[in-house]
């Protein structure tokens, strides 16, 4: 899969570079300078996979520039495709795409508006709230749930601290994290002692593993969870009041336990499953689970990738139901890569579970 992704990205970079060269109205020397900047951005995109070999400040810069460029080049690809289609269908004059300062200026302004707006929107976390009534609980429970923090080179400790302040302001009874706390490298998390921020959360914290914990390295990820005081449910259960919490190991572990095997016999508590990747939703329905909470998809993170995730998953984002089982797939409070949210949200979920009268 990564080979195909790399080939597509390489073709996309060549396509963008060629069109930028054709579009710029400047002299050859100025065009070469712009191509050099693009080459640096492409090198950063490739170099991020070797981030741990560089000093921390340089690795952070490479990560930020490289991943931001990947998203920017996606939008430039779409813009140039539209211009090419318009030219082939004679809706766009050929002069618009060759040495044209007006087109160049309009395209630059459009990219600035999209990506400055996308960055601002990313930093504005959306609060989703839902109230669920159930005869299985005898007192109210307030839960804050989120996923996909991706702590690392781009989501650094100061940003995590702001998220923790937001969580504490909700005064929850319990906090649930549906995986991908770590982005993929343990070094920036260790160097910044990011685990200390999780210790500030004023309620018990339970979490399941995500695929990025496996990418990071399982031993390093488990050590971080212990340092952070997070109660990891890895094919395990825990009780909080009238709630039965069931945390599944990530499906990166092909030997993970079956969901039905994790349930205690004659369970009468309100059951909540944490499963990072929202695949095989029918398993929770068959097992009689009340609520499943997942993440992973980021809802595509930027348009039009959300159209792709919508096609890939039964539920790629938001609330969903199968029988008596409810599901919520979060788009994540953080993200992977460039800090842009375009057509999607960064969010956290507040769930109020309140008692309901038992019917005779």
Protein backbone atom coordinates (compact mmCIF):
# COMPACT_ATOMS: atom_id res chain seq x y z
CA UNK A 1 0.00 0.00 0.00
CA UNK A 2 2.79 2.43 0.93
CA UNK A 3 4.52 1.71 -2.40
CA UNK A 4 1.38 2.69 -4.33
CA UNK A 5 0.96 5.79 -2.15
CA UNK A 6 4.58 6.76 -2.83
CA UNK A 7 4.19 6.32 -6.58
CA UNK A 8 0.99 8.37 -6.65
CA UNK A 9 2.63 11.11 -4.58
CA UNK A 10 5.65 11.13 -6.91
CA UNK A 11 3.49 11.48 -10.03
CA UNK A 12 1.48 14.22 -8.31
CA UNK A 13 4.65 16.17 -7.47
CA UNK A 14 5.85 15.98 -11.07
CA UNK A 15 2.45 17.08 -12.38
CA UNK A 16 2.35 20.08 -10.02
CA UNK A 17 5.96 21.11 -10.71
CA UNK A 18 5.43 21.00 -14.49
CA UNK A 19 2.30 23.12 -14.32
CA UNK A 20 3.86 25.63 -11.95
CA UNK A 21 6.81 25.99 -14.35
CA UNK A 22 4.42 26.55 -17.26
CA UNK A 23 2.22 28.99 -15.34
CA UNK A 24 4.85 31.32 -13.87
CA UNK A 25 5.29 34.49 -15.98
CA UNK A 26 8.81 35.17 -14.73
CA UNK A 27 12.29 34.65 -16.15
CA UNK A 28 14.01 31.27 -16.08
CA UNK A 29 16.08 32.20 -13.02
CA UNK A 30 12.97 33.04 -10.97
CA UNK A 31 11.27 29.83 -12.12
CA UNK A 32 14.31 27.81 -11.04
CA UNK A 33 14.14 29.44 -7.59
CA UNK A 34 10.47 28.41 -7.21
CA UNK A 35 11.31 24.89 -8.37
CA UNK A 36 14.05 24.76 -5.73
CA UNK A 37 11.49 25.64 -3.03
CA UNK A 38 9.19 22.90 -4.29
CA UNK A 39 12.12 20.47 -4.28
CA UNK A 40 12.84 21.35 -0.64
CA UNK A 41 9.17 20.74 0.29
CA UNK A 42 9.19 17.40 -1.52
CA UNK A 43 12.44 16.46 0.22
CA UNK A 44 10.83 17.29 3.57
CA UNK A 45 7.83 15.12 2.70
CA UNK A 46 10.15 12.19 2.03
CA UNK A 47 12.54 13.06 4.87
CA UNK A 48 9.86 12.90 7.58
CA UNK A 49 10.23 9.11 7.58
CA UNK A 50 13.79 9.60 8.85
CA UNK A 51 12.88 12.27 11.40
CA UNK A 52 14.49 10.52 14.36
CA UNK A 53 17.90 10.85 12.69
CA UNK A 54 17.79 14.66 12.85
CA UNK A 55 17.97 17.13 15.76
CA UNK A 56 14.55 17.64 17.30
CA UNK A 57 14.05 21.19 15.95
CA UNK A 58 15.01 20.10 12.43
CA UNK A 59 12.86 16.97 12.57
CA UNK A 60 9.89 19.11 13.65
CA UNK A 61 10.46 21.54 10.77
CA UNK A 62 10.79 18.71 8.25
CA UNK A 63 7.59 17.10 9.51
CA UNK A 64 5.58 20.33 9.45
CA UNK A 65 6.81 21.48 6.03
CA UNK A 66 6.69 18.05 4.37
CA UNK A 67 3.20 17.11 5.52
CA UNK A 68 1.77 20.56 4.88
CA UNK A 69 3.15 20.42 1.35
CA UNK A 70 1.49 17.05 0.70
CA UNK A 71 -1.92 18.59 1.38
CA UNK A 72 -1.13 21.78 -0.54
CA UNK A 73 0.09 19.79 -3.53
CA UNK A 74 -3.13 17.75 -3.46
CA UNK A 75 -5.14 20.94 -3.89
CA UNK A 76 -2.77 22.26 -6.55
CA UNK A 77 -3.21 18.97 -8.40
CA UNK A 78 -6.99 19.37 -8.31
CA UNK A 79 -6.74 22.99 -9.47
CA UNK A 80 -4.46 22.13 -12.40
CA UNK A 81 -6.67 19.16 -13.34
CA UNK A 82 -9.66 21.49 -13.54
CA UNK A 83 -7.69 23.92 -15.71
CA UNK A 84 -6.52 21.07 -17.98
CA UNK A 85 -10.04 19.70 -18.35
CA UNK A 86 -11.30 23.21 -19.07
CA UNK A 87 -8.59 23.71 -21.71
CA UNK A 88 -9.31 20.34 -23.38
CA UNK A 89 -13.03 21.14 -23.52
CA UNK A 90 -12.25 24.67 -24.80
CA UNK A 91 -13.85 26.27 -21.75
CA UNK A 92 -10.50 27.66 -20.61
CA UNK A 93 -8.15 29.51 -23.00
CA UNK A 94 -4.67 27.99 -23.27
CA UNK A 95 -3.22 31.39 -22.36
CA UNK A 96 -4.61 31.00 -18.83
CA UNK A 97 -2.16 28.17 -18.06
CA UNK A 98 1.04 29.50 -19.68
CA UNK A 99 3.00 32.46 -18.35
CA UNK A 100 -0.10 34.10 -16.92
CA UNK A 101 0.38 36.38 -13.92
CA UNK A 102 -3.37 36.77 -13.32
CA UNK A 103 -3.97 33.01 -13.08
CA UNK A 104 -0.87 32.69 -10.91
CA UNK A 105 -2.10 35.43 -8.56
CA UNK A 106 -5.66 34.08 -8.33
CA UNK A 107 -4.40 30.55 -7.64
CA UNK A 108 -1.98 31.79 -4.97
CA UNK A 109 -4.71 33.81 -3.25
CA UNK A 110 -7.09 30.84 -3.37
CA UNK A 111 -4.49 28.53 -1.77
CA UNK A 112 -3.79 31.09 0.96
CA UNK A 113 -7.50 31.43 1.80
CA UNK A 114 -8.03 27.65 1.85
CA UNK A 115 -5.03 26.77 3.98
CA UNK A 116 -5.04 29.68 6.41
CA UNK A 117 -8.75 29.02 6.92
CA UNK A 118 -8.10 25.28 7.23
CA UNK A 119 -5.45 25.85 9.90
CA UNK A 120 -7.70 28.20 11.90
CA UNK A 121 -10.54 25.71 11.66
CA UNK A 122 -8.29 22.89 12.90
CA UNK A 123 -7.46 24.81 16.06
CA UNK A 124 -11.14 25.43 16.79
CA UNK A 125 -12.29 22.21 18.47
CA UNK A 126 -15.94 21.32 17.99
CA UNK A 127 -17.90 20.14 21.03
CA UNK A 128 -20.45 17.41 20.31
CA UNK A 129 -22.92 16.49 23.05
CA UNK A 130 -25.46 13.70 23.29
CA UNK A 131 -27.72 12.42 26.07
CA UNK A 132 -28.55 8.73 26.26
CA UNK A 133 -31.15 7.31 28.63
CA UNK A 134 -30.90 3.72 29.75
CA UNK A 135 -32.54 1.56 32.44
CA UNK A 136 -29.11 -0.07 32.93
CA UNK A 137 -27.74 2.90 34.90
CA UNK A 138 -28.95 4.10 38.30
CA UNK A 139 -27.14 7.45 38.30
CA UNK A 140 -25.98 9.92 35.64
CA UNK A 141 -22.56 9.43 34.06
CA UNK A 142 -20.77 12.18 32.16
CA UNK A 143 -18.15 10.97 29.68
CA UNK A 144 -15.71 12.94 27.57
CA UNK A 145 -14.54 10.90 24.59
CA UNK A 146 -12.02 11.73 21.90
CA UNK A 147 -9.55 9.99 19.63
CA UNK A 148 -6.53 10.52 17.37
CA UNK A 149 -4.48 13.00 19.36
CA UNK A 150 -1.35 12.06 17.37
CA UNK A 151 1.07 13.56 19.88
CA UNK A 152 4.51 14.02 18.37
CA UNK A 153 6.40 16.39 16.12
CA UNK A 154 3.35 18.43 15.14
CA UNK A 155 0.94 18.12 18.09
CA UNK A 156 3.36 19.13 20.82
CA UNK A 157 3.02 19.38 24.57
CA UNK A 158 1.75 22.98 24.68
CA UNK A 159 -1.11 22.06 22.37
CA UNK A 160 -1.94 18.92 24.36
CA UNK A 161 -2.06 21.11 27.48
CA UNK A 162 -4.80 23.25 25.90
CA UNK A 163 -6.80 20.14 25.07
CA UNK A 164 -6.46 18.88 28.65
CA UNK A 165 -7.74 22.23 29.95
CA UNK A 166 -10.77 21.87 27.67
CA UNK A 167 -11.41 18.34 28.95
CA UNK A 168 -11.10 19.35 32.61
CA UNK A 169 -13.52 22.23 32.07
CA UNK A 170 -16.22 19.65 31.25
CA UNK A 171 -15.83 18.06 34.73
CA UNK A 172 -16.38 14.51 33.43
CA UNK A 173 -16.76 11.38 35.53
CA UNK A 174 -14.55 9.45 33.13
CA UNK A 175 -12.48 10.17 30.01
CA UNK A 176 -12.31 7.68 27.13
CA UNK A 177 -9.69 7.79 24.38
CA UNK A 178 -10.28 5.65 21.28
CA UNK A 179 -6.67 5.16 20.19
CA UNK A 180 -3.82 6.89 18.34
CA UNK A 181 -2.60 8.99 21.24
CA UNK A 182 0.92 8.86 19.76
CA UNK A 183 1.59 9.87 16.16
CA UNK A 184 4.38 7.48 15.23
CA UNK A 185 7.59 8.61 16.95
CA UNK A 186 8.25 8.30 20.66
CA UNK A 187 11.24 10.68 20.77
CA UNK A 188 9.35 14.02 20.58
CA UNK A 189 6.83 12.75 23.12
CA UNK A 190 9.60 11.69 25.51
CA UNK A 191 11.69 14.84 25.03
CA UNK A 192 8.72 17.06 25.84
CA UNK A 193 7.49 14.81 28.70
CA UNK A 194 4.04 14.98 27.13
CA UNK A 195 2.85 12.25 29.50
CA UNK A 196 2.73 14.83 32.31
CA UNK A 197 -0.22 16.57 30.64
CA UNK A 198 -2.32 13.42 30.81
CA UNK A 199 -1.58 13.25 34.54
CA UNK A 200 -3.41 16.57 34.85
CA UNK A 201 -6.73 15.15 33.62
CA UNK A 202 -9.06 15.37 36.61
CA UNK A 203 -10.99 12.15 35.92
CA UNK A 204 -9.98 8.52 35.39
CA UNK A 205 -8.71 7.97 31.83
CA UNK A 206 -9.30 4.73 29.93
CA UNK A 207 -8.07 4.03 26.41
CA UNK A 208 -7.61 1.40 23.75
CA UNK A 209 -4.65 1.11 21.42
CA UNK A 210 -4.67 2.49 17.88
CA UNK A 211 -2.67 1.48 14.83
CA UNK A 212 -0.22 4.35 15.40
CA UNK A 213 0.77 2.89 18.75
CA UNK A 214 1.91 -0.15 16.76
CA UNK A 215 3.66 2.08 14.22
CA UNK A 216 5.45 3.85 17.08
CA UNK A 217 6.51 0.54 18.61
CA UNK A 218 4.39 -1.37 21.09
CA UNK A 219 6.90 -1.42 23.97
CA UNK A 220 7.51 2.33 23.75
CA UNK A 221 3.78 3.03 23.50
CA UNK A 222 2.95 0.86 26.51
CA UNK A 223 5.64 2.65 28.54
CA UNK A 224 4.07 5.99 27.61
CA UNK A 225 0.62 4.80 28.71
CA UNK A 226 2.05 3.79 32.09
CA UNK A 227 3.85 7.12 32.53
CA UNK A 228 0.68 9.02 31.59
CA UNK A 229 -1.44 7.15 34.12
CA UNK A 230 -3.81 5.98 31.40
CA UNK A 231 -5.70 2.78 32.18
CA UNK A 232 -5.13 0.80 29.01
CA UNK A 233 -7.86 -1.68 28.08
CA UNK A 234 -6.15 -4.06 25.70
CA UNK A 235 -8.68 -6.85 25.28
CA UNK A 236 -9.73 -6.10 28.83
CA UNK A 237 -12.74 -4.72 30.70
CA UNK A 238 -13.28 -2.28 33.55
CA UNK A 239 -16.28 -1.11 35.54
CA UNK A 240 -17.03 2.53 36.24
CA UNK A 241 -20.27 2.90 38.18
CA UNK A 242 -22.95 1.19 36.11
CA UNK A 243 -20.76 1.22 33.01
CA UNK A 244 -18.90 -1.77 31.62
CA UNK A 245 -15.95 -0.52 29.56
CA UNK A 246 -14.52 -2.94 27.01
CA UNK A 247 -11.29 -2.00 25.29
CA UNK A 248 -10.23 -3.95 22.22
CA UNK A 249 -6.66 -4.31 21.07
CA UNK A 250 -6.16 -2.65 17.70
CA UNK A 251 -6.78 -4.81 14.66
CA UNK A 252 -3.06 -4.38 13.87
CA UNK A 253 -2.83 -7.36 16.22
CA UNK A 254 -4.37 -10.11 14.09
CA UNK A 255 -4.54 -12.34 17.17
CA UNK A 256 -6.69 -9.97 19.21
CA UNK A 257 -9.55 -11.51 21.16
CA UNK A 258 -13.03 -11.77 19.75
CA UNK A 259 -15.38 -9.17 21.18
CA UNK A 260 -17.88 -11.77 22.45
CA UNK A 261 -15.09 -13.44 24.45
CA UNK A 262 -14.47 -10.23 26.42
CA UNK A 263 -18.02 -9.94 27.76
CA UNK A 264 -18.78 -11.29 31.24
CA UNK A 265 -21.66 -13.73 31.58
CA UNK A 266 -25.06 -12.25 32.39
CA UNK A 267 -23.86 -8.67 32.03
CA UNK A 268 -26.49 -6.17 33.18
CA UNK A 269 -24.34 -3.02 32.99
CA UNK A 270 -24.40 -0.46 30.21
CA UNK A 271 -21.67 -1.69 27.87
CA UNK A 272 -19.29 0.62 25.97
CA UNK A 273 -16.70 -0.72 23.53
CA UNK A 274 -13.57 1.20 22.61
CA UNK A 275 -12.32 -0.04 19.22
CA UNK A 276 -10.04 2.31 17.32
CA UNK A 277 -10.78 1.21 13.76
CA UNK A 278 -14.51 1.07 12.86
CA UNK A 279 -14.51 -2.20 10.95
CA UNK A 280 -16.92 -5.14 11.34
CA UNK A 281 -19.54 -3.14 13.21
CA UNK A 282 -21.84 -6.13 13.16
CA UNK A 283 -19.75 -7.75 15.92
CA UNK A 284 -20.90 -5.20 18.50
CA UNK A 285 -24.52 -5.65 17.43
CA UNK A 286 -24.29 -9.44 17.66
CA UNK A 287 -22.66 -9.22 21.11
CA UNK A 288 -25.46 -6.96 22.39
CA UNK A 289 -23.19 -3.97 23.04
CA UNK A 290 -24.97 -0.73 23.91
CA UNK A 291 -22.42 1.74 22.51
CA UNK A 292 -19.22 1.50 20.45
CA UNK A 293 -16.79 4.41 20.23
CA UNK A 294 -14.17 4.55 17.47
CA UNK A 295 -11.90 6.96 15.62
CA UNK A 296 -9.16 6.34 13.03
CA UNK A 297 -10.87 7.75 9.91
CA UNK A 298 -10.34 11.48 10.69
CA UNK A 299 -13.40 11.78 8.41
CA UNK A 300 -10.84 12.09 5.63
CA UNK A 301 -9.31 15.16 7.33
CA UNK A 302 -9.57 17.33 4.21
CA UNK A 303 -12.08 17.39 1.36
CA UNK A 304 -12.36 15.38 -0.91
CA UNK A 305 -10.69 12.59 1.09
CA UNK A 306 -13.82 12.39 3.26
CA UNK A 307 -15.61 11.07 0.17
CA UNK A 308 -13.05 8.26 0.10
CA UNK A 309 -13.51 7.35 3.76
CA UNK A 310 -17.28 7.44 3.31
CA UNK A 311 -16.87 4.78 0.62
CA UNK A 312 -14.46 2.69 2.70
CA UNK A 313 -16.42 2.37 5.95
CA UNK A 314 -19.97 1.49 6.88
CA UNK A 315 -19.80 4.55 9.13
CA UNK A 316 -16.85 6.87 8.55
CA UNK A 317 -18.05 9.63 10.86
CA UNK A 318 -20.74 10.47 13.39
CA UNK A 319 -23.64 8.55 14.87
CA UNK A 320 -24.78 5.23 13.49
CA UNK A 321 -27.09 2.41 14.62
CA UNK A 322 -27.36 -1.31 14.06
CA UNK A 323 -30.27 -2.92 15.90
CA UNK A 324 -30.08 -1.78 19.53
CA UNK A 325 -26.39 -0.88 19.30
CA UNK A 326 -25.29 2.71 18.77
CA UNK A 327 -21.95 3.79 17.35
CA UNK A 328 -19.98 7.01 17.23
CA UNK A 329 -16.98 7.36 14.93
CA UNK A 330 -15.02 10.50 15.81
CA UNK A 331 -13.10 12.59 13.32
CA UNK A 332 -10.50 13.08 16.07
CA UNK A 333 -9.38 15.93 18.27
CA UNK A 334 -5.99 15.96 16.54
CA UNK A 335 -4.78 14.76 13.17
CA UNK A 336 -1.92 13.26 11.23
CA UNK A 337 0.18 15.42 8.93
CA UNK A 338 -0.50 19.03 7.95
CA UNK A 339 -2.57 21.04 10.40
CA UNK A 340 -5.53 21.68 8.14
CA UNK A 341 -9.21 20.81 8.50
CA UNK A 342 -11.05 21.46 5.25
CA UNK A 343 -14.63 20.21 5.10
CA UNK A 344 -14.15 18.24 8.35
CA UNK A 345 -13.87 19.09 12.05
CA UNK A 346 -11.54 18.45 14.96
CA UNK A 347 -13.79 17.47 17.82
CA UNK A 348 -14.44 15.90 21.17
CA UNK A 349 -17.61 14.21 22.36
CA UNK A 350 -19.55 14.72 25.60
CA UNK A 351 -21.87 11.81 26.42
CA UNK A 352 -24.43 12.06 29.23
CA UNK A 353 -25.86 8.66 30.17
CA UNK A 354 -28.87 9.09 32.43
CA UNK A 355 -31.21 6.61 34.15
CA UNK A 356 -34.50 5.62 32.53
CA UNK A 357 -37.41 3.91 34.15
CA UNK A 358 -37.40 0.18 33.80
CA UNK A 359 -40.49 -1.12 32.07
CA UNK A 360 -42.22 -4.13 33.57
